[in-house]
Amino acid sequence: MKIETNNNVAFEVSFNQLDREEGYDDDIRFKLTETRKNKVFFEADEISFLLTPDQADKLAKALTTAAEESRNTE
């Protein structure tokens, strides 16, 4: 899934079993891509991290909690 923001940054989350190295269970890729030509945030066009399923669950819960708090703010 890819999500583009108004801040010229795109977030992409994907699963590929080929990303898993022996002895590790981090095969969920979380990628940040800067979409503007003149880089402001990152030195490279994109940065990615590999997450374990537990880390991905925690990130998803943190985002869901923040979204709920934002919606409930008047």
PDB file of N, CA and C in Angstrom:
ATOM      1  N   MET A   1       0.843  -1.168   0.000  1.00  0.00           N
ATOM      2  CA  MET A   1       0.000   0.000   0.000  1.00  0.00           C
ATOM      3  C   MET A   1       0.892   1.236   0.000  1.00  0.00           C
ATOM      4  N   LYS A   2       0.554   2.194  -0.829  1.00  0.00           N
ATOM      5  CA  LYS A   2       1.315   3.436  -0.919  1.00  0.00           C
ATOM      6  C   LYS A   2       0.387   4.601  -0.591  1.00  0.00           C
ATOM      7  N   ILE A   3       0.879   5.497   0.268  1.00  0.00           N
ATOM      8  CA  ILE A   3       0.110   6.663   0.683  1.00  0.00           C
ATOM      9  C   ILE A   3       0.964   7.898   0.432  1.00  0.00           C
ATOM     10  N   GLU A   4       0.428   8.833  -0.370  1.00  0.00           N
ATOM     11  CA  GLU A   4       1.145  10.077  -0.630  1.00  0.00           C
ATOM     12  C   GLU A   4       0.559  11.179   0.234  1.00  0.00           C
ATOM     13  N   THR A   5       1.449  11.985   0.828  1.00  0.00           N
ATOM     14  CA  THR A   5       0.998  13.084   1.675  1.00  0.00           C
ATOM     15  C   THR A   5       1.130  14.407   0.928  1.00  0.00           C
ATOM     16  N   ASN A   6       0.599  15.460   1.534  1.00  0.00           N
ATOM     17  CA  ASN A   6       0.711  16.803   0.955  1.00  0.00           C
ATOM     18  C   ASN A   6       2.084  17.404   1.209  1.00  0.00           C
ATOM     19  N   ASN A   7       2.925  16.695   1.955  1.00  0.00           N
ATOM     20  CA  ASN A   7       4.253  17.198   2.309  1.00  0.00           C
ATOM     21  C   ASN A   7       5.335  16.667   1.382  1.00  0.00           C
ATOM     22  N   ASN A   8       4.964  16.196   0.200  1.00  0.00           N
ATOM     23  CA  ASN A   8       5.909  15.668  -0.782  1.00  0.00           C
ATOM     24  C   ASN A   8       6.647  14.430  -0.279  1.00  0.00           C
ATOM     25  N   VAL A   9       5.964  13.654   0.529  1.00  0.00           N
ATOM     26  CA  VAL A   9       6.505  12.393   1.033  1.00  0.00           C
ATOM     27  C   VAL A   9       5.467  11.308   0.797  1.00  0.00           C
ATOM     28  N   ALA A  10       5.940  10.141   0.388  1.00  0.00           N
ATOM     29  CA  ALA A  10       5.060   8.990   0.221  1.00  0.00           C
ATOM     30  C   ALA A  10       5.528   7.891   1.169  1.00  0.00           C
ATOM     31  N   PHE A  11       4.570   7.202   1.769  1.00  0.00           N
ATOM     32  CA  PHE A  11       4.833   6.058   2.632  1.00  0.00           C
ATOM     33  C   PHE A  11       4.374   4.813   1.894  1.00  0.00           C
ATOM     34  N   GLU A  12       5.167   3.783   1.937  1.00  0.00           N
ATOM     35  CA  GLU A  12       4.773   2.524   1.296  1.00  0.00           C
ATOM     36  C   GLU A  12       5.092   1.371   2.246  1.00  0.00           C
ATOM     37  N   VAL A  13       4.137   0.471   2.392  1.00  0.00           N
ATOM     38  CA  VAL A  13       4.306  -0.710   3.228  1.00  0.00           C
ATOM     39  C   VAL A  13       4.079  -1.926   2.351  1.00  0.00           C
ATOM     40  N   SER A  14       5.014  -2.876   2.422  1.00  0.00           N
ATOM     41  CA  SER A  14       4.874  -4.077   1.594  1.00  0.00           C
ATOM     42  C   SER A  14       5.476  -5.284   2.304  1.00  0.00           C
ATOM     43  N   PHE A  15       5.051  -6.443   1.887  1.00  0.00           N
ATOM     44  CA  PHE A  15       5.582  -7.709   2.406  1.00  0.00           C
ATOM     45  C   PHE A  15       6.194  -8.482   1.248  1.00  0.00           C
ATOM     46  N   ASN A  16       7.390  -8.979   1.474  1.00  0.00           N
ATOM     47  CA  ASN A  16       8.033  -9.842   0.487  1.00  0.00           C
ATOM     48  C   ASN A  16       8.883 -10.844   1.256  1.00  0.00           C
ATOM     49  N   GLN A  17       8.521 -12.096   1.156  1.00  0.00           N
ATOM     50  CA  GLN A  17       9.242 -13.134   1.893  1.00  0.00           C
ATOM     51  C   GLN A  17      10.722 -13.160   1.507  1.00  0.00           C
ATOM     52  N   LEU A  18      11.050 -12.694   0.311  1.00  0.00           N
ATOM     53  CA  LEU A  18      12.441 -12.676  -0.133  1.00  0.00           C
ATOM     54  C   LEU A  18      13.282 -11.651   0.644  1.00  0.00           C
ATOM     55  N   ASP A  19      12.620 -10.694   1.338  1.00  0.00           N
ATOM     56  CA  ASP A  19      13.343  -9.724   2.156  1.00  0.00           C
ATOM     57  C   ASP A  19      13.846 -10.331   3.466  1.00  0.00           C
ATOM     58  N   ARG A  20      13.361 -11.513   3.797  1.00  0.00           N
ATOM     59  CA  ARG A  20      13.731 -12.142   5.071  1.00  0.00           C
ATOM     60  C   ARG A  20      15.097 -12.811   4.954  1.00  0.00           C
ATOM     61  N   GLU A  21      15.966 -12.470   5.889  1.00  0.00           N
ATOM     62  CA  GLU A  21      17.272 -13.115   5.961  1.00  0.00           C
ATOM     63  C   GLU A  21      17.186 -14.248   6.976  1.00  0.00           C
ATOM     64  N   GLU A  22      17.967 -15.267   6.768  1.00  0.00           N
ATOM     65  CA  GLU A  22      17.940 -16.422   7.651  1.00  0.00           C
ATOM     66  C   GLU A  22      18.194 -15.989   9.099  1.00  0.00           C
ATOM     67  N   GLY A  23      17.336 -16.472   9.982  1.00  0.00           N
ATOM     68  CA  GLY A  23      17.463 -16.138  11.393  1.00  0.00           C
ATOM     69  C   GLY A  23      16.716 -14.880  11.811  1.00  0.00           C
ATOM     70  N   TYR A  24      16.117 -14.173  10.867  1.00  0.00           N
ATOM     71  CA  TYR A  24      15.384 -12.941  11.164  1.00  0.00           C
ATOM     72  C   TYR A  24      13.963 -13.068  10.639  1.00  0.00           C
ATOM     73  N   ASP A  25      13.049 -12.350  11.284  1.00  0.00           N
ATOM     74  CA  ASP A  25      11.665 -12.360  10.800  1.00  0.00           C
ATOM     75  C   ASP A  25      11.201 -10.966  10.393  1.00  0.00           C
ATOM     76  N   ASP A  26      12.163 -10.133   9.982  1.00  0.00           N
ATOM     77  CA  ASP A  26      11.817  -8.773   9.547  1.00  0.00           C
ATOM     78  C   ASP A  26      11.684  -8.742   8.025  1.00  0.00           C
ATOM     79  N   ASP A  27      10.489  -8.985   7.554  1.00  0.00           N
ATOM     80  CA  ASP A  27      10.259  -9.039   6.116  1.00  0.00           C
ATOM     81  C   ASP A  27       9.144  -8.096   5.672  1.00  0.00           C
ATOM     82  N   ILE A  28       8.792  -7.144   6.513  1.00  0.00           N
ATOM     83  CA  ILE A  28       7.795  -6.131   6.164  1.00  0.00           C
ATOM     84  C   ILE A  28       8.549  -4.828   5.922  1.00  0.00           C
ATOM     85  N   ARG A  29       8.477  -4.341   4.696  1.00  0.00           N
ATOM     86  CA  ARG A  29       9.237  -3.139   4.334  1.00  0.00           C
ATOM     87  C   ARG A  29       8.382  -1.898   4.525  1.00  0.00           C
ATOM     88  N   PHE A  30       8.947  -0.919   5.239  1.00  0.00           N
ATOM     89  CA  PHE A  30       8.333   0.388   5.432  1.00  0.00           C
ATOM     90  C   PHE A  30       9.234   1.387   4.725  1.00  0.00           C
ATOM     91  N   LYS A  31       8.726   1.980   3.651  1.00  0.00           N
ATOM     92  CA  LYS A  31       9.560   2.848   2.812  1.00  0.00           C
ATOM     93  C   LYS A  31       9.014   4.272   2.804  1.00  0.00           C
ATOM     94  N   LEU A  32       9.939   5.230   2.926  1.00  0.00           N
ATOM     95  CA  LEU A  32       9.626   6.650   2.827  1.00  0.00           C
ATOM     96  C   LEU A  32      10.277   7.174   1.555  1.00  0.00           C
ATOM     97  N   THR A  33       9.499   7.825   0.711  1.00  0.00           N
ATOM     98  CA  THR A  33      10.006   8.363  -0.539  1.00  0.00           C
ATOM     99  C   THR A  33       9.709   9.849  -0.598  1.00  0.00           C
ATOM    100  N   GLU A  34      10.728  10.619  -0.914  1.00  0.00           N
ATOM    101  CA  GLU A  34      10.530  12.059  -1.097  1.00  0.00           C
ATOM    102  C   GLU A  34      10.195  12.297  -2.560  1.00  0.00           C
ATOM    103  N   THR A  35       9.035  12.867  -2.823  1.00  0.00           N
ATOM    104  CA  THR A  35       8.542  12.996  -4.190  1.00  0.00           C
ATOM    105  C   THR A  35       8.922  14.314  -4.857  1.00  0.00           C
ATOM    106  N   ARG A  36       9.434  15.252  -4.106  1.00  0.00           N
ATOM    107  CA  ARG A  36       9.818  16.544  -4.687  1.00  0.00           C
ATOM    108  C   ARG A  36      11.217  16.417  -5.310  1.00  0.00           C
ATOM    109  N   LYS A  37      11.466  17.187  -6.352  1.00  0.00           N
ATOM    110  CA  LYS A  37      12.763  17.120  -7.040  1.00  0.00           C
ATOM    111  C   LYS A  37      13.907  17.609  -6.163  1.00  0.00           C
ATOM    112  N   ASN A  38      13.723  18.747  -5.519  1.00  0.00           N
ATOM    113  CA  ASN A  38      14.754  19.289  -4.628  1.00  0.00           C
ATOM    114  C   ASN A  38      14.563  18.659  -3.255  1.00  0.00           C
ATOM    115  N   LYS A  39      15.491  17.810  -2.862  1.00  0.00           N
ATOM    116  CA  LYS A  39      15.373  17.066  -1.616  1.00  0.00           C
ATOM    117  C   LYS A  39      15.439  18.003  -0.418  1.00  0.00           C
ATOM    118  N   VAL A  40      14.503  17.832   0.486  1.00  0.00           N
ATOM    119  CA  VAL A  40      14.437  18.636   1.686  1.00  0.00           C
ATOM    120  C   VAL A  40      14.639  17.768   2.928  1.00  0.00           C
ATOM    121  N   PHE A  41      14.064  16.578   2.911  1.00  0.00           N
ATOM    122  CA  PHE A  41      14.070  15.724   4.092  1.00  0.00           C
ATOM    123  C   PHE A  41      15.192  14.690   4.091  1.00  0.00           C
ATOM    124  N   PHE A  42      15.418  14.040   2.953  1.00  0.00           N
ATOM    125  CA  PHE A  42      16.347  12.917   2.883  1.00  0.00           C
ATOM    126  C   PHE A  42      17.468  13.207   1.884  1.00  0.00           C
ATOM    127  N   GLU A  43      18.617  12.620   2.111  1.00  0.00           N
ATOM    128  CA  GLU A  43      19.717  12.758   1.158  1.00  0.00           C
ATOM    129  C   GLU A  43      19.451  11.908  -0.089  1.00  0.00           C
ATOM    130  N   ALA A  44      18.794  10.771   0.084  1.00  0.00           N
ATOM    131  CA  ALA A  44      18.473   9.882  -1.030  1.00  0.00           C
ATOM    132  C   ALA A  44      17.003  10.059  -1.392  1.00  0.00           C
ATOM    133  N   ASP A  45      16.602   9.495  -2.529  1.00  0.00           N
ATOM    134  CA  ASP A  45      15.204   9.573  -2.953  1.00  0.00           C
ATOM    135  C   ASP A  45      14.283   8.816  -2.014  1.00  0.00           C
ATOM    136  N   GLU A  46      14.812   7.727  -1.416  1.00  0.00           N
ATOM    137  CA  GLU A  46      13.980   6.923  -0.541  1.00  0.00           C
ATOM    138  C   GLU A  46      14.806   6.299   0.577  1.00  0.00           C
ATOM    139  N   ILE A  47      14.113   5.997   1.658  1.00  0.00           N
ATOM    140  CA  ILE A  47      14.696   5.320   2.804  1.00  0.00           C
ATOM    141  C   ILE A  47      13.736   4.196   3.158  1.00  0.00           C
ATOM    142  N   SER A  48      14.276   3.026   3.470  1.00  0.00           N
ATOM    143  CA  SER A  48      13.379   1.941   3.860  1.00  0.00           C
ATOM    144  C   SER A  48      13.930   1.196   5.062  1.00  0.00           C
ATOM    145  N   PHE A  49      13.006   0.608   5.802  1.00  0.00           N
ATOM    146  CA  PHE A  49      13.312  -0.161   6.988  1.00  0.00           C
ATOM    147  C   PHE A  49      12.588  -1.491   6.887  1.00  0.00           C
ATOM    148  N   LEU A  50      13.184  -2.538   7.430  1.00  0.00           N
ATOM    149  CA  LEU A  50      12.501  -3.815   7.535  1.00  0.00           C
ATOM    150  C   LEU A  50      11.986  -3.969   8.956  1.00  0.00           C
ATOM    151  N   LEU A  51      10.725  -4.357   9.082  1.00  0.00           N
ATOM    152  CA  LEU A  51      10.076  -4.511  10.375  1.00  0.00           C
ATOM    153  C   LEU A  51       9.653  -5.951  10.589  1.00  0.00           C
ATOM    154  N   THR A  52       9.621  -6.359  11.847  1.00  0.00           N
ATOM    155  CA  THR A  52       9.050  -7.659  12.192  1.00  0.00           C
ATOM    156  C   THR A  52       7.529  -7.503  12.224  1.00  0.00           C
ATOM    157  N   PRO A  53       6.787  -8.599  12.203  1.00  0.00           N
ATOM    158  CA  PRO A  53       5.331  -8.488  12.326  1.00  0.00           C
ATOM    159  C   PRO A  53       4.909  -7.762  13.610  1.00  0.00           C
ATOM    160  N   ASP A  54       5.589  -8.024  14.729  1.00  0.00           N
ATOM    161  CA  ASP A  54       5.242  -7.343  15.982  1.00  0.00           C
ATOM    162  C   ASP A  54       5.489  -5.840  15.890  1.00  0.00           C
ATOM    163  N   GLN A  55       6.599  -5.444  15.279  1.00  0.00           N
ATOM    164  CA  GLN A  55       6.882  -4.019  15.113  1.00  0.00           C
ATOM    165  C   GLN A  55       5.854  -3.373  14.191  1.00  0.00           C
ATOM    166  N   ALA A  56       5.465  -4.065  13.129  1.00  0.00           N
ATOM    167  CA  ALA A  56       4.449  -3.538  12.213  1.00  0.00           C
ATOM    168  C   ALA A  56       3.110  -3.381  12.924  1.00  0.00           C
ATOM    169  N   ASP A  57       2.759  -4.348  13.778  1.00  0.00           N
ATOM    170  CA  ASP A  57       1.520  -4.242  14.561  1.00  0.00           C
ATOM    171  C   ASP A  57       1.563  -3.029  15.482  1.00  0.00           C
ATOM    172  N   LYS A  58       2.699  -2.806  16.154  1.00  0.00           N
ATOM    173  CA  LYS A  58       2.828  -1.661  17.055  1.00  0.00           C
ATOM    174  C   LYS A  58       2.719  -0.349  16.292  1.00  0.00           C
ATOM    175  N   LEU A  59       3.346  -0.272  15.113  1.00  0.00           N
ATOM    176  CA  LEU A  59       3.259   0.937  14.294  1.00  0.00           C
ATOM    177  C   LEU A  59       1.815   1.179  13.856  1.00  0.00           C
ATOM    178  N   ALA A  60       1.138   0.130  13.422  1.00  0.00           N
ATOM    179  CA  ALA A  60      -0.261   0.261  12.997  1.00  0.00           C
ATOM    180  C   ALA A  60      -1.139   0.733  14.154  1.00  0.00           C
ATOM    181  N   LYS A  61      -0.928   0.166  15.331  1.00  0.00           N
ATOM    182  CA  LYS A  61      -1.719   0.572  16.499  1.00  0.00           C
ATOM    183  C   LYS A  61      -1.431   2.018  16.880  1.00  0.00           C
ATOM    184  N   ALA A  62      -0.161   2.423  16.806  1.00  0.00           N
ATOM    185  CA  ALA A  62       0.193   3.814  17.129  1.00  0.00           C
ATOM    186  C   ALA A  62      -0.476   4.782  16.157  1.00  0.00           C
ATOM    187  N   LEU A  63      -0.473   4.444  14.882  1.00  0.00           N
ATOM    188  CA  LEU A  63      -1.119   5.306  13.890  1.00  0.00           C
ATOM    189  C   LEU A  63      -2.627   5.349  14.099  1.00  0.00           C
ATOM    190  N   THR A  64      -3.241   4.212  14.393  1.00  0.00           N
ATOM    191  CA  THR A  64      -4.684   4.153  14.632  1.00  0.00           C
ATOM    192  C   THR A  64      -5.059   4.969  15.865  1.00  0.00           C
ATOM    193  N   THR A  65      -4.276   4.844  16.923  1.00  0.00           N
ATOM    194  CA  THR A  65      -4.531   5.606  18.150  1.00  0.00           C
ATOM    195  C   THR A  65      -4.416   7.103  17.889  1.00  0.00           C
ATOM    196  N   ALA A  66      -3.373   7.524  17.197  1.00  0.00           N
ATOM    197  CA  ALA A  66      -3.201   8.948  16.885  1.00  0.00           C
ATOM    198  C   ALA A  66      -4.340   9.460  16.012  1.00  0.00           C
ATOM    199  N   ALA A  67      -4.786   8.652  15.047  1.00  0.00           N
ATOM    200  CA  ALA A  67      -5.897   9.059  14.180  1.00  0.00           C
ATOM    201  C   ALA A  67      -7.185   9.215  14.987  1.00  0.00           C
ATOM    202  N   GLU A  68      -7.443   8.290  15.901  1.00  0.00           N
ATOM    203  CA  GLU A  68      -8.635   8.389  16.749  1.00  0.00           C
ATOM    204  C   GLU A  68      -8.576   9.632  17.634  1.00  0.00           C
ATOM    205  N   GLU A  69      -7.397   9.906  18.220  1.00  0.00           N
ATOM    206  CA  GLU A  69      -7.242  11.095  19.068  1.00  0.00           C
ATOM    207  C   GLU A  69      -7.446  12.362  18.238  1.00  0.00           C
ATOM    208  N   SER A  70      -6.940  12.382  17.013  1.00  0.00           N
ATOM    209  CA  SER A  70      -7.097  13.556  16.159  1.00  0.00           C
ATOM    210  C   SER A  70      -8.572  13.793  15.811  1.00  0.00           C
ATOM    211  N   ARG A  71      -9.278  12.709  15.505  1.00  0.00           N
ATOM    212  CA  ARG A  71     -10.707  12.836  15.149  1.00  0.00           C
ATOM    213  C   ARG A  71     -11.536  13.326  16.337  1.00  0.00           C
ATOM    214  N   ASN A  72     -11.128  12.978  17.543  1.00  0.00           N
ATOM    215  CA  ASN A  72     -11.892  13.332  18.741  1.00  0.00           C
ATOM    216  C   ASN A  72     -11.530  14.694  19.307  1.00  0.00           C
ATOM    217  N   THR A  73     -10.629  15.410  18.646  1.00  0.00           N
ATOM    218  CA  THR A  73     -10.235  16.737  19.104  1.00  0.00           C
ATOM    219  C   THR A  73     -11.159  17.776  18.479  1.00  0.00           C
ATOM    220  N   GLU A  74     -11.630  18.656  19.287  1.00  0.00           N
ATOM    221  CA  GLU A  74     -12.539  19.691  18.770  1.00  0.00           C
ATOM    222  C   GLU A  74     -11.806  20.956  18.467  1.00  0.00           C
TER     223      GLU A  74
END
